[in-house]
Amino acid sequence: MFFGTWIDAEGEYFDTAHFADCSEKYPFQGGGCYLLLGTVGVDFHFPTVTIKKMAKMPFIPDPRMAQIV
């Protein structure tokens, strides 16, 4: 089981839970933007998304960051 903490388009944080079957099919692929599909549950008054599918989204690299290693 894995956990993730994300920032949405409005700048709000949310947490995700990734169970073993999902983690094998849809592993984390480093930092970036991800498309997430899951169900929302609330435990102890805090919402968590249980992920069913996840895909890293492509993006255009910033050439200013190419020099930073």
N, C-alpha and C. Protein backbone atom coordinates (compact mmCIF):
# COMPACT_ATOMS: atom_id res chain seq x y z
N MET A 1 0.84 -1.18 0.00
CA MET A 1 0.00 0.00 0.00
C MET A 1 0.89 1.24 0.00
N PHE A 2 0.50 2.21 -0.82
CA PHE A 2 1.21 3.47 -0.90
C PHE A 2 0.24 4.61 -0.63
N PHE A 3 0.80 5.75 -0.24
CA PHE A 3 0.00 6.94 -0.01
C PHE A 3 0.60 8.09 -0.81
N GLY A 4 -0.24 9.00 -1.26
CA GLY A 4 0.23 10.17 -1.98
C GLY A 4 -0.43 11.42 -1.41
N THR A 5 0.26 12.53 -1.48
CA THR A 5 -0.30 13.83 -1.13
C THR A 5 -0.15 14.71 -2.36
N TRP A 6 -1.23 15.32 -2.77
CA TRP A 6 -1.30 16.04 -4.03
C TRP A 6 -1.81 17.46 -3.81
N ILE A 7 -1.63 18.29 -4.83
CA ILE A 7 -2.18 19.65 -4.84
C ILE A 7 -3.08 19.75 -6.07
N ASP A 8 -4.34 20.15 -5.87
CA ASP A 8 -5.26 20.24 -6.99
C ASP A 8 -5.13 21.59 -7.71
N ALA A 9 -5.96 21.80 -8.72
CA ALA A 9 -5.88 22.99 -9.56
C ALA A 9 -6.14 24.28 -8.77
N GLU A 10 -6.87 24.18 -7.65
CA GLU A 10 -7.15 25.36 -6.83
C GLU A 10 -6.12 25.57 -5.72
N GLY A 11 -5.09 24.70 -5.67
CA GLY A 11 -4.06 24.82 -4.66
C GLY A 11 -4.38 24.12 -3.35
N GLU A 12 -5.43 23.31 -3.33
CA GLU A 12 -5.82 22.56 -2.13
C GLU A 12 -5.10 21.21 -2.10
N TYR A 13 -4.72 20.77 -0.92
CA TYR A 13 -4.06 19.48 -0.75
C TYR A 13 -5.10 18.38 -0.58
N PHE A 14 -4.78 17.17 -1.07
CA PHE A 14 -5.60 16.01 -0.79
C PHE A 14 -4.71 14.77 -0.79
N ASP A 15 -5.16 13.73 -0.09
CA ASP A 15 -4.39 12.50 0.06
C ASP A 15 -5.02 11.38 -0.75
N THR A 16 -4.18 10.44 -1.18
CA THR A 16 -4.65 9.26 -1.90
C THR A 16 -4.08 8.01 -1.27
N ALA A 17 -4.83 6.91 -1.40
CA ALA A 17 -4.38 5.59 -0.97
C ALA A 17 -4.30 4.71 -2.21
N HIS A 18 -3.18 3.98 -2.36
CA HIS A 18 -2.93 3.12 -3.52
C HIS A 18 -2.70 1.71 -3.01
N PHE A 19 -3.66 0.82 -3.22
CA PHE A 19 -3.52 -0.56 -2.76
C PHE A 19 -2.65 -1.35 -3.73
N ALA A 20 -2.21 -2.53 -3.31
CA ALA A 20 -1.22 -3.32 -4.05
C ALA A 20 -1.63 -3.61 -5.49
N ASP A 21 -2.88 -4.00 -5.72
CA ASP A 21 -3.31 -4.34 -7.09
C ASP A 21 -3.23 -3.13 -8.01
N CYS A 22 -3.60 -1.98 -7.52
CA CYS A 22 -3.53 -0.73 -8.30
C CYS A 22 -2.08 -0.29 -8.48
N SER A 23 -1.28 -0.42 -7.43
CA SER A 23 0.12 0.02 -7.49
C SER A 23 0.93 -0.77 -8.50
N GLU A 24 0.61 -2.04 -8.70
CA GLU A 24 1.31 -2.85 -9.69
C GLU A 24 0.95 -2.43 -11.11
N LYS A 25 -0.33 -2.18 -11.36
CA LYS A 25 -0.79 -1.79 -12.70
C LYS A 25 -0.45 -0.34 -13.03
N TYR A 26 -0.55 0.53 -12.03
CA TYR A 26 -0.38 1.97 -12.24
C TYR A 26 0.63 2.53 -11.23
N PRO A 27 1.92 2.29 -11.44
CA PRO A 27 2.93 2.75 -10.47
C PRO A 27 3.19 4.26 -10.58
N PHE A 28 3.72 4.81 -9.51
CA PHE A 28 4.20 6.19 -9.54
C PHE A 28 5.36 6.27 -10.53
N GLN A 29 5.43 7.35 -11.30
CA GLN A 29 6.47 7.52 -12.31
C GLN A 29 7.22 8.84 -12.11
N GLY A 30 7.50 9.18 -10.88
CA GLY A 30 8.23 10.41 -10.60
C GLY A 30 7.29 11.60 -10.47
N GLY A 31 7.89 12.76 -10.24
CA GLY A 31 7.12 13.98 -10.08
C GLY A 31 6.45 14.41 -11.36
N GLY A 32 5.39 15.16 -11.23
CA GLY A 32 4.68 15.67 -12.39
C GLY A 32 3.19 15.74 -12.14
N CYS A 33 2.43 15.91 -13.21
CA CYS A 33 0.97 15.96 -13.15
C CYS A 33 0.41 14.58 -13.47
N TYR A 34 -0.57 14.16 -12.69
CA TYR A 34 -1.17 12.84 -12.86
C TYR A 34 -2.68 12.98 -13.04
N LEU A 35 -3.24 12.09 -13.83
CA LEU A 35 -4.67 11.92 -13.95
C LEU A 35 -5.05 10.80 -13.00
N LEU A 36 -5.97 11.07 -12.06
CA LEU A 36 -6.32 10.11 -11.02
C LEU A 36 -7.79 9.75 -11.13
N LEU A 37 -8.09 8.45 -10.96
CA LEU A 37 -9.47 7.97 -10.93
C LEU A 37 -9.62 7.14 -9.68
N GLY A 38 -10.62 7.46 -8.87
CA GLY A 38 -10.82 6.72 -7.63
C GLY A 38 -12.12 7.08 -6.96
N THR A 39 -12.27 6.60 -5.74
CA THR A 39 -13.46 6.89 -4.95
C THR A 39 -13.06 7.68 -3.72
N VAL A 40 -13.93 8.61 -3.33
CA VAL A 40 -13.65 9.47 -2.18
C VAL A 40 -14.32 8.87 -0.95
N GLY A 41 -13.55 8.76 0.13
CA GLY A 41 -14.08 8.33 1.41
C GLY A 41 -13.63 9.30 2.49
N VAL A 42 -14.34 9.32 3.60
CA VAL A 42 -13.99 10.22 4.71
C VAL A 42 -13.76 9.38 5.95
N ASP A 43 -12.56 9.49 6.51
CA ASP A 43 -12.21 8.85 7.77
C ASP A 43 -11.71 9.92 8.74
N PHE A 44 -12.25 9.92 9.94
CA PHE A 44 -11.85 10.89 10.96
C PHE A 44 -11.98 12.32 10.44
N HIS A 45 -13.04 12.57 9.69
CA HIS A 45 -13.36 13.90 9.15
C HIS A 45 -12.35 14.39 8.12
N PHE A 46 -11.61 13.47 7.50
CA PHE A 46 -10.63 13.86 6.49
C PHE A 46 -10.85 13.02 5.23
N PRO A 47 -11.09 13.69 4.07
CA PRO A 47 -11.33 12.93 2.85
C PRO A 47 -10.05 12.32 2.28
N THR A 48 -10.18 11.11 1.75
CA THR A 48 -9.08 10.41 1.09
C THR A 48 -9.63 9.80 -0.20
N VAL A 49 -8.85 9.85 -1.27
CA VAL A 49 -9.24 9.23 -2.53
C VAL A 49 -8.54 7.88 -2.62
N THR A 50 -9.31 6.80 -2.76
CA THR A 50 -8.75 5.47 -2.98
C THR A 50 -8.63 5.30 -4.49
N ILE A 51 -7.41 5.19 -4.97
CA ILE A 51 -7.12 5.22 -6.40
C ILE A 51 -7.43 3.87 -7.05
N LYS A 52 -8.10 3.94 -8.22
CA LYS A 52 -8.36 2.76 -9.03
C LYS A 52 -7.47 2.75 -10.27
N LYS A 53 -7.22 3.94 -10.85
CA LYS A 53 -6.34 4.08 -12.01
C LYS A 53 -5.56 5.38 -11.87
N MET A 54 -4.36 5.40 -12.45
CA MET A 54 -3.52 6.59 -12.38
C MET A 54 -2.63 6.63 -13.61
N ALA A 55 -2.45 7.80 -14.19
CA ALA A 55 -1.56 7.95 -15.36
C ALA A 55 -0.83 9.28 -15.26
N LYS A 56 0.45 9.26 -15.53
CA LYS A 56 1.23 10.49 -15.55
C LYS A 56 0.94 11.23 -16.85
N MET A 57 0.67 12.50 -16.74
CA MET A 57 0.31 13.31 -17.91
C MET A 57 1.58 13.88 -18.55
N PRO A 58 1.59 13.93 -19.88
CA PRO A 58 2.75 14.53 -20.55
C PRO A 58 2.72 16.05 -20.38
N PHE A 59 3.89 16.65 -20.44
CA PHE A 59 3.96 18.11 -20.38
C PHE A 59 5.16 18.57 -21.18
N ILE A 60 5.14 19.84 -21.54
CA ILE A 60 6.25 20.42 -22.28
C ILE A 60 7.31 20.85 -21.28
N PRO A 61 8.54 20.34 -21.39
CA PRO A 61 9.59 20.70 -20.43
C PRO A 61 9.93 22.19 -20.50
N ASP A 62 10.29 22.73 -19.38
CA ASP A 62 10.73 24.12 -19.28
C ASP A 62 12.23 24.14 -19.59
N PRO A 63 12.66 24.78 -20.69
CA PRO A 63 14.08 24.76 -21.03
C PRO A 63 14.97 25.42 -19.98
N ARG A 64 14.42 26.29 -19.15
CA ARG A 64 15.21 26.92 -18.09
C ARG A 64 15.61 25.90 -17.04
N MET A 65 14.85 24.82 -16.91
CA MET A 65 15.13 23.81 -15.90
C MET A 65 16.11 22.75 -16.41
N ALA A 66 16.41 22.73 -17.70
CA ALA A 66 17.29 21.72 -18.28
C ALA A 66 18.73 21.83 -17.73
N GLN A 67 19.13 23.01 -17.30
CA GLN A 67 20.48 23.21 -16.80
C GLN A 67 20.62 22.80 -15.34
N ILE A 68 19.50 22.60 -14.66
CA ILE A 68 19.54 22.23 -13.26
C ILE A 68 19.55 20.71 -13.17
N VAL A 69 20.55 20.16 -12.51
CA VAL A 69 20.64 18.70 -12.38
C VAL A 69 20.29 18.28 -10.98
